[in-house]
Amino acid sequence: MAQDVILYTNPMSRGRIARWMLEEIGCPYKAEIVDYGSAMRTPEYLAVNPLGKVPAIRHGEQIVSECAAICAYLADAFPEAGLAPPSAERGSYYRALFFAAGPIEAATTNHHFGFEPEGEQNQGMSGYGSFTRMLDALEKIVPAEGYVAGERFSAADLYLGAHIGWGLQYGSLEERPGFAAYAARVRDRDAYRRAQALDEALLPKEAG
C-alpha cells in the first residue's frame, strides 16, 4: 500500500515504540499527538482505538492498535525494510514479540501493583506463572549476542528491547545476565536516536 501512515501517539507513552518502528521502516508518516484525558475519549479517537489509548496507526483503510501488532504489521507491510525474517524462520521472532506483549506486560504490571499469583494452581492459571518464572524465561530468550531471530535486527528486537530497556530504567525488571547489554545493543541505531529526539522535543518544557 502506497498511503502514508498516521501515527496516533503521545511522547509519554508506548507510542515511542511505534515511532521507533516507523523510523526504522523509513516510510512517510504523520504523527497526531493525542493528549491524555478527554482527547483520548472523543468519539473520533474511540473509532480508532475503542480503549482510548495510544499508540495506534492508520494505513489506508487499515487501523492497528497494540504495540506488538503495530510492529508486526509494519514489518509485513514494508518488507523492503527487512525487519521480519522469512516466514519459514519466524518462530523465535513471534515468540519474542508476543512474550513481551503477554507475559512481560502482565507480570510487570501485576508486580508493580503488588499482586502475585500464590500457589501452584493460581500460577498455573496465570499466563506468566509468576514474576520470577517470567524473568527466568526471559533470560533464556534474550540472546547473549546478536538478535532474537539470528544475526539480523528485527521488529521483535525493537519491541522486546524497548520493554527491557524501560524495565531496567524504571526498576520494573531486575537485572539479569545479558539484559542491559541486549537493550543497549538493540537501541544503538540511528532510527532509535531519531525517534527519541522527535519525542523528546514534544515533552513539556520545565519552567525555570
Protein backbone atom coordinates (compact mmCIF):
# COMPACT_ATOMS: atom_id res chain seq x y z
CA MET A 1 0.00 0.00 0.00
CA ALA A 2 1.34 3.39 -1.03
CA GLN A 3 -0.57 5.51 1.51
CA ASP A 4 1.27 7.36 4.23
CA VAL A 5 0.89 6.13 7.79
CA ILE A 6 -0.80 8.18 10.51
CA LEU A 7 0.61 7.56 13.98
CA TYR A 8 -1.60 8.43 16.95
CA THR A 9 0.74 8.87 19.87
CA ASN A 10 1.85 10.77 22.93
CA PRO A 11 5.53 11.28 23.81
CA MET A 12 4.89 9.93 27.33
CA SER A 13 3.54 6.60 26.17
CA ARG A 14 4.32 3.32 24.43
CA GLY A 15 3.85 5.36 21.27
CA ARG A 16 7.61 5.82 21.41
CA ILE A 17 7.95 2.19 20.35
CA ALA A 18 5.65 2.72 17.35
CA ARG A 19 7.54 5.86 16.31
CA TRP A 20 10.85 4.00 16.54
CA MET A 21 9.40 1.28 14.32
CA LEU A 22 8.26 3.86 11.77
CA GLU A 23 11.70 5.46 11.77
CA GLU A 24 13.22 2.01 11.12
CA ILE A 25 10.79 1.36 8.27
CA GLY A 26 11.58 4.70 6.67
CA CYS A 27 8.06 5.21 5.29
CA PRO A 28 6.37 8.61 5.23
CA TYR A 29 4.17 9.13 8.28
CA LYS A 30 2.31 11.85 10.09
CA ALA A 31 2.23 11.94 13.89
CA GLU A 32 -1.02 13.04 15.52
CA ILE A 33 -0.38 13.85 19.17
CA VAL A 34 -3.28 12.77 21.37
CA ASP A 35 -3.33 14.34 24.82
CA TYR A 36 -4.21 12.29 27.87
CA GLY A 37 -7.71 12.74 29.24
CA SER A 38 -10.69 13.87 27.23
CA ALA A 39 -8.83 13.86 23.88
CA MET A 40 -8.45 10.08 24.12
CA ARG A 41 -12.19 9.72 24.84
CA THR A 42 -13.62 11.63 21.90
CA PRO A 43 -15.89 9.68 19.51
CA GLU A 44 -13.38 10.34 16.74
CA TYR A 45 -10.47 8.77 18.61
CA LEU A 46 -12.52 5.94 20.08
CA ALA A 47 -13.33 4.99 16.48
CA VAL A 48 -9.58 4.48 16.05
CA ASN A 49 -8.98 2.67 19.36
CA PRO A 50 -12.03 1.79 21.46
CA LEU A 51 -9.80 1.50 24.54
CA GLY A 52 -8.99 5.20 24.28
CA LYS A 53 -5.24 4.56 24.45
CA VAL A 54 -2.22 5.26 22.29
CA PRO A 55 -0.48 4.25 20.14
CA ALA A 56 -2.46 3.31 17.09
CA ILE A 57 -1.76 3.67 13.40
CA ARG A 58 -3.89 4.17 10.30
CA HIS A 59 -2.52 2.91 6.99
CA GLY A 60 -5.01 3.37 4.20
CA GLU A 61 -8.12 1.52 5.38
CA GLN A 62 -6.20 -0.45 8.00
CA ILE A 63 -6.27 0.59 11.65
CA VAL A 64 -3.92 -1.18 14.06
CA SER A 65 -3.56 -0.72 17.81
CA GLU A 66 -1.41 -2.59 20.36
CA CYS A 67 2.34 -2.05 20.02
CA ALA A 68 3.28 -5.62 19.18
CA ALA A 69 0.63 -5.73 16.46
CA ILE A 70 1.82 -2.39 15.08
CA CYS A 71 5.40 -3.65 14.89
CA ALA A 72 4.38 -6.93 13.24
CA TYR A 73 2.04 -5.16 10.81
CA LEU A 74 4.61 -2.59 9.71
CA ALA A 75 7.30 -5.23 9.25
CA ASP A 76 4.95 -7.11 6.90
CA ALA A 77 3.52 -4.03 5.16
CA PHE A 78 7.02 -2.71 4.35
CA PRO A 79 9.07 -5.86 3.67
CA GLU A 80 11.79 -3.86 1.93
CA ALA A 81 12.93 -2.67 5.37
CA GLY A 82 13.92 -6.24 6.25
CA LEU A 83 12.51 -6.14 9.78
CA ALA A 84 10.94 -9.61 9.71
CA PRO A 85 12.69 -12.91 8.96
CA PRO A 86 11.45 -15.10 6.10
CA SER A 87 8.08 -16.67 7.01
CA ALA A 88 9.65 -20.12 7.46
CA GLU A 89 12.09 -18.73 10.08
CA ARG A 90 9.77 -16.74 12.31
CA GLY A 91 9.42 -18.99 15.34
CA SER A 92 11.76 -17.13 17.68
CA TYR A 93 10.66 -13.80 16.16
CA TYR A 94 6.98 -14.34 17.02
CA ARG A 95 7.89 -15.85 20.36
CA ALA A 96 9.86 -12.76 21.43
CA LEU A 97 7.21 -10.32 20.16
CA PHE A 98 4.35 -11.93 21.98
CA PHE A 99 6.28 -12.92 25.09
CA ALA A 100 6.88 -9.21 25.58
CA ALA A 101 3.25 -8.33 24.79
CA GLY A 102 1.85 -11.06 27.06
CA PRO A 103 3.89 -12.42 29.98
CA ILE A 104 6.22 -9.43 30.39
CA GLU A 105 3.41 -6.85 30.26
CA ALA A 106 1.12 -8.81 32.59
CA ALA A 107 3.79 -9.86 35.09
CA THR A 108 5.40 -6.42 35.42
CA THR A 109 2.04 -4.65 35.73
CA ASN A 110 0.80 -7.03 38.40
CA HIS A 111 4.14 -6.88 40.21
CA HIS A 112 4.00 -3.08 40.22
CA PHE A 113 0.58 -3.14 41.89
CA GLY A 114 1.70 -5.72 44.43
CA PHE A 115 -0.29 -8.63 43.03
CA GLU A 116 1.44 -12.00 42.76
CA PRO A 117 -0.34 -15.29 41.98
CA GLU A 118 0.14 -17.51 45.03
CA GLY A 119 0.20 -21.29 44.90
CA GLU A 120 0.66 -23.72 42.05
CA GLN A 121 -2.98 -23.59 40.95
CA ASN A 122 -3.13 -19.80 40.67
CA GLN A 123 0.26 -19.65 38.97
CA GLY A 124 -0.93 -22.30 36.55
CA MET A 125 -3.97 -20.18 35.67
CA SER A 126 -1.94 -17.01 35.08
CA GLY A 127 -0.41 -16.54 31.67
CA TYR A 128 3.06 -15.96 33.11
CA GLY A 129 3.15 -18.23 36.15
CA SER A 130 4.95 -15.87 38.49
CA PHE A 131 7.13 -12.80 38.15
CA THR A 132 10.24 -14.87 38.84
CA ARG A 133 9.29 -17.54 36.32
CA MET A 134 8.73 -14.83 33.72
CA LEU A 135 12.21 -13.43 34.38
CA ASP A 136 13.74 -16.91 34.20
CA ALA A 137 12.10 -17.49 30.82
CA LEU A 138 13.10 -14.04 29.56
CA GLU A 139 16.69 -14.75 30.48
CA LYS A 140 16.60 -17.75 28.11
CA ILE A 141 15.01 -15.73 25.29
CA VAL A 142 17.48 -12.83 25.38
CA PRO A 143 20.48 -13.73 23.20
CA ALA A 144 23.98 -13.39 24.59
CA GLU A 145 24.97 -11.80 21.29
CA GLY A 146 23.21 -10.96 18.06
CA TYR A 147 19.43 -10.84 17.94
CA VAL A 148 16.43 -12.99 18.82
CA ALA A 149 15.91 -14.23 15.27
CA GLY A 150 19.56 -14.65 14.33
CA GLU A 151 22.24 -12.22 13.26
CA ARG A 152 19.88 -9.55 11.93
CA PHE A 153 17.91 -6.96 13.90
CA SER A 154 14.14 -7.36 13.57
CA ALA A 155 10.89 -5.85 14.81
CA ALA A 156 10.94 -8.39 17.62
CA ASP A 157 14.24 -6.96 18.91
CA LEU A 158 12.83 -3.46 18.74
CA TYR A 159 9.77 -4.38 20.81
CA LEU A 160 11.47 -6.70 23.26
CA GLY A 161 14.47 -4.40 23.66
CA ALA A 162 12.21 -1.42 24.38
CA HIS A 163 10.47 -3.35 27.16
CA ILE A 164 13.74 -4.48 28.70
CA GLY A 165 15.33 -1.04 28.43
CA TRP A 166 12.37 0.67 30.07
CA GLY A 167 12.07 -2.05 32.69
CA LEU A 168 15.69 -1.63 33.74
CA GLN A 169 15.49 2.16 33.64
CA TYR A 170 12.37 2.38 35.82
CA GLY A 171 13.02 -0.62 38.02
CA SER A 172 10.13 -2.82 36.85
CA LEU A 173 12.60 -5.51 35.74
CA GLU A 174 15.53 -6.75 37.76
CA GLU A 175 18.89 -7.02 36.04
CA ARG A 176 19.71 -10.48 34.79
CA PRO A 177 22.75 -11.61 32.78
CA GLY A 178 22.63 -10.07 29.33
CA PHE A 179 19.59 -7.83 29.80
CA ALA A 180 21.40 -4.47 29.86
CA ALA A 181 23.80 -5.43 27.07
CA TYR A 182 20.95 -6.61 24.83
CA ALA A 183 18.90 -3.45 25.45
CA ALA A 184 21.91 -1.27 24.65
CA ARG A 185 22.70 -3.31 21.54
CA VAL A 186 19.24 -3.02 20.01
CA ARG A 187 18.95 0.70 20.81
CA ASP A 188 22.29 1.57 19.25
CA ARG A 189 20.60 2.54 15.99
CA ASP A 190 20.11 5.80 14.11
CA ALA A 191 16.34 5.20 13.87
CA TYR A 192 16.10 4.89 17.65
CA ARG A 193 18.01 8.13 18.15
CA ARG A 194 15.81 9.96 15.60
CA ALA A 195 12.64 8.70 17.24
CA GLN A 196 13.88 9.66 20.69
CA ALA A 197 14.77 13.17 19.55
CA LEU A 198 11.35 13.68 17.97
CA ASP A 199 9.52 12.58 21.09
CA GLU A 200 11.80 14.44 23.49
CA ALA A 201 11.10 17.65 21.56
CA LEU A 202 7.38 17.19 22.26
CA LEU A 203 7.74 16.88 26.03
CA PRO A 204 6.59 19.82 28.16
CA LYS A 205 9.44 22.17 28.94
CA GLU A 206 10.19 22.68 32.62
CA ALA A 207 9.72 26.20 33.87
CA GLY A 208 12.75 28.00 35.16
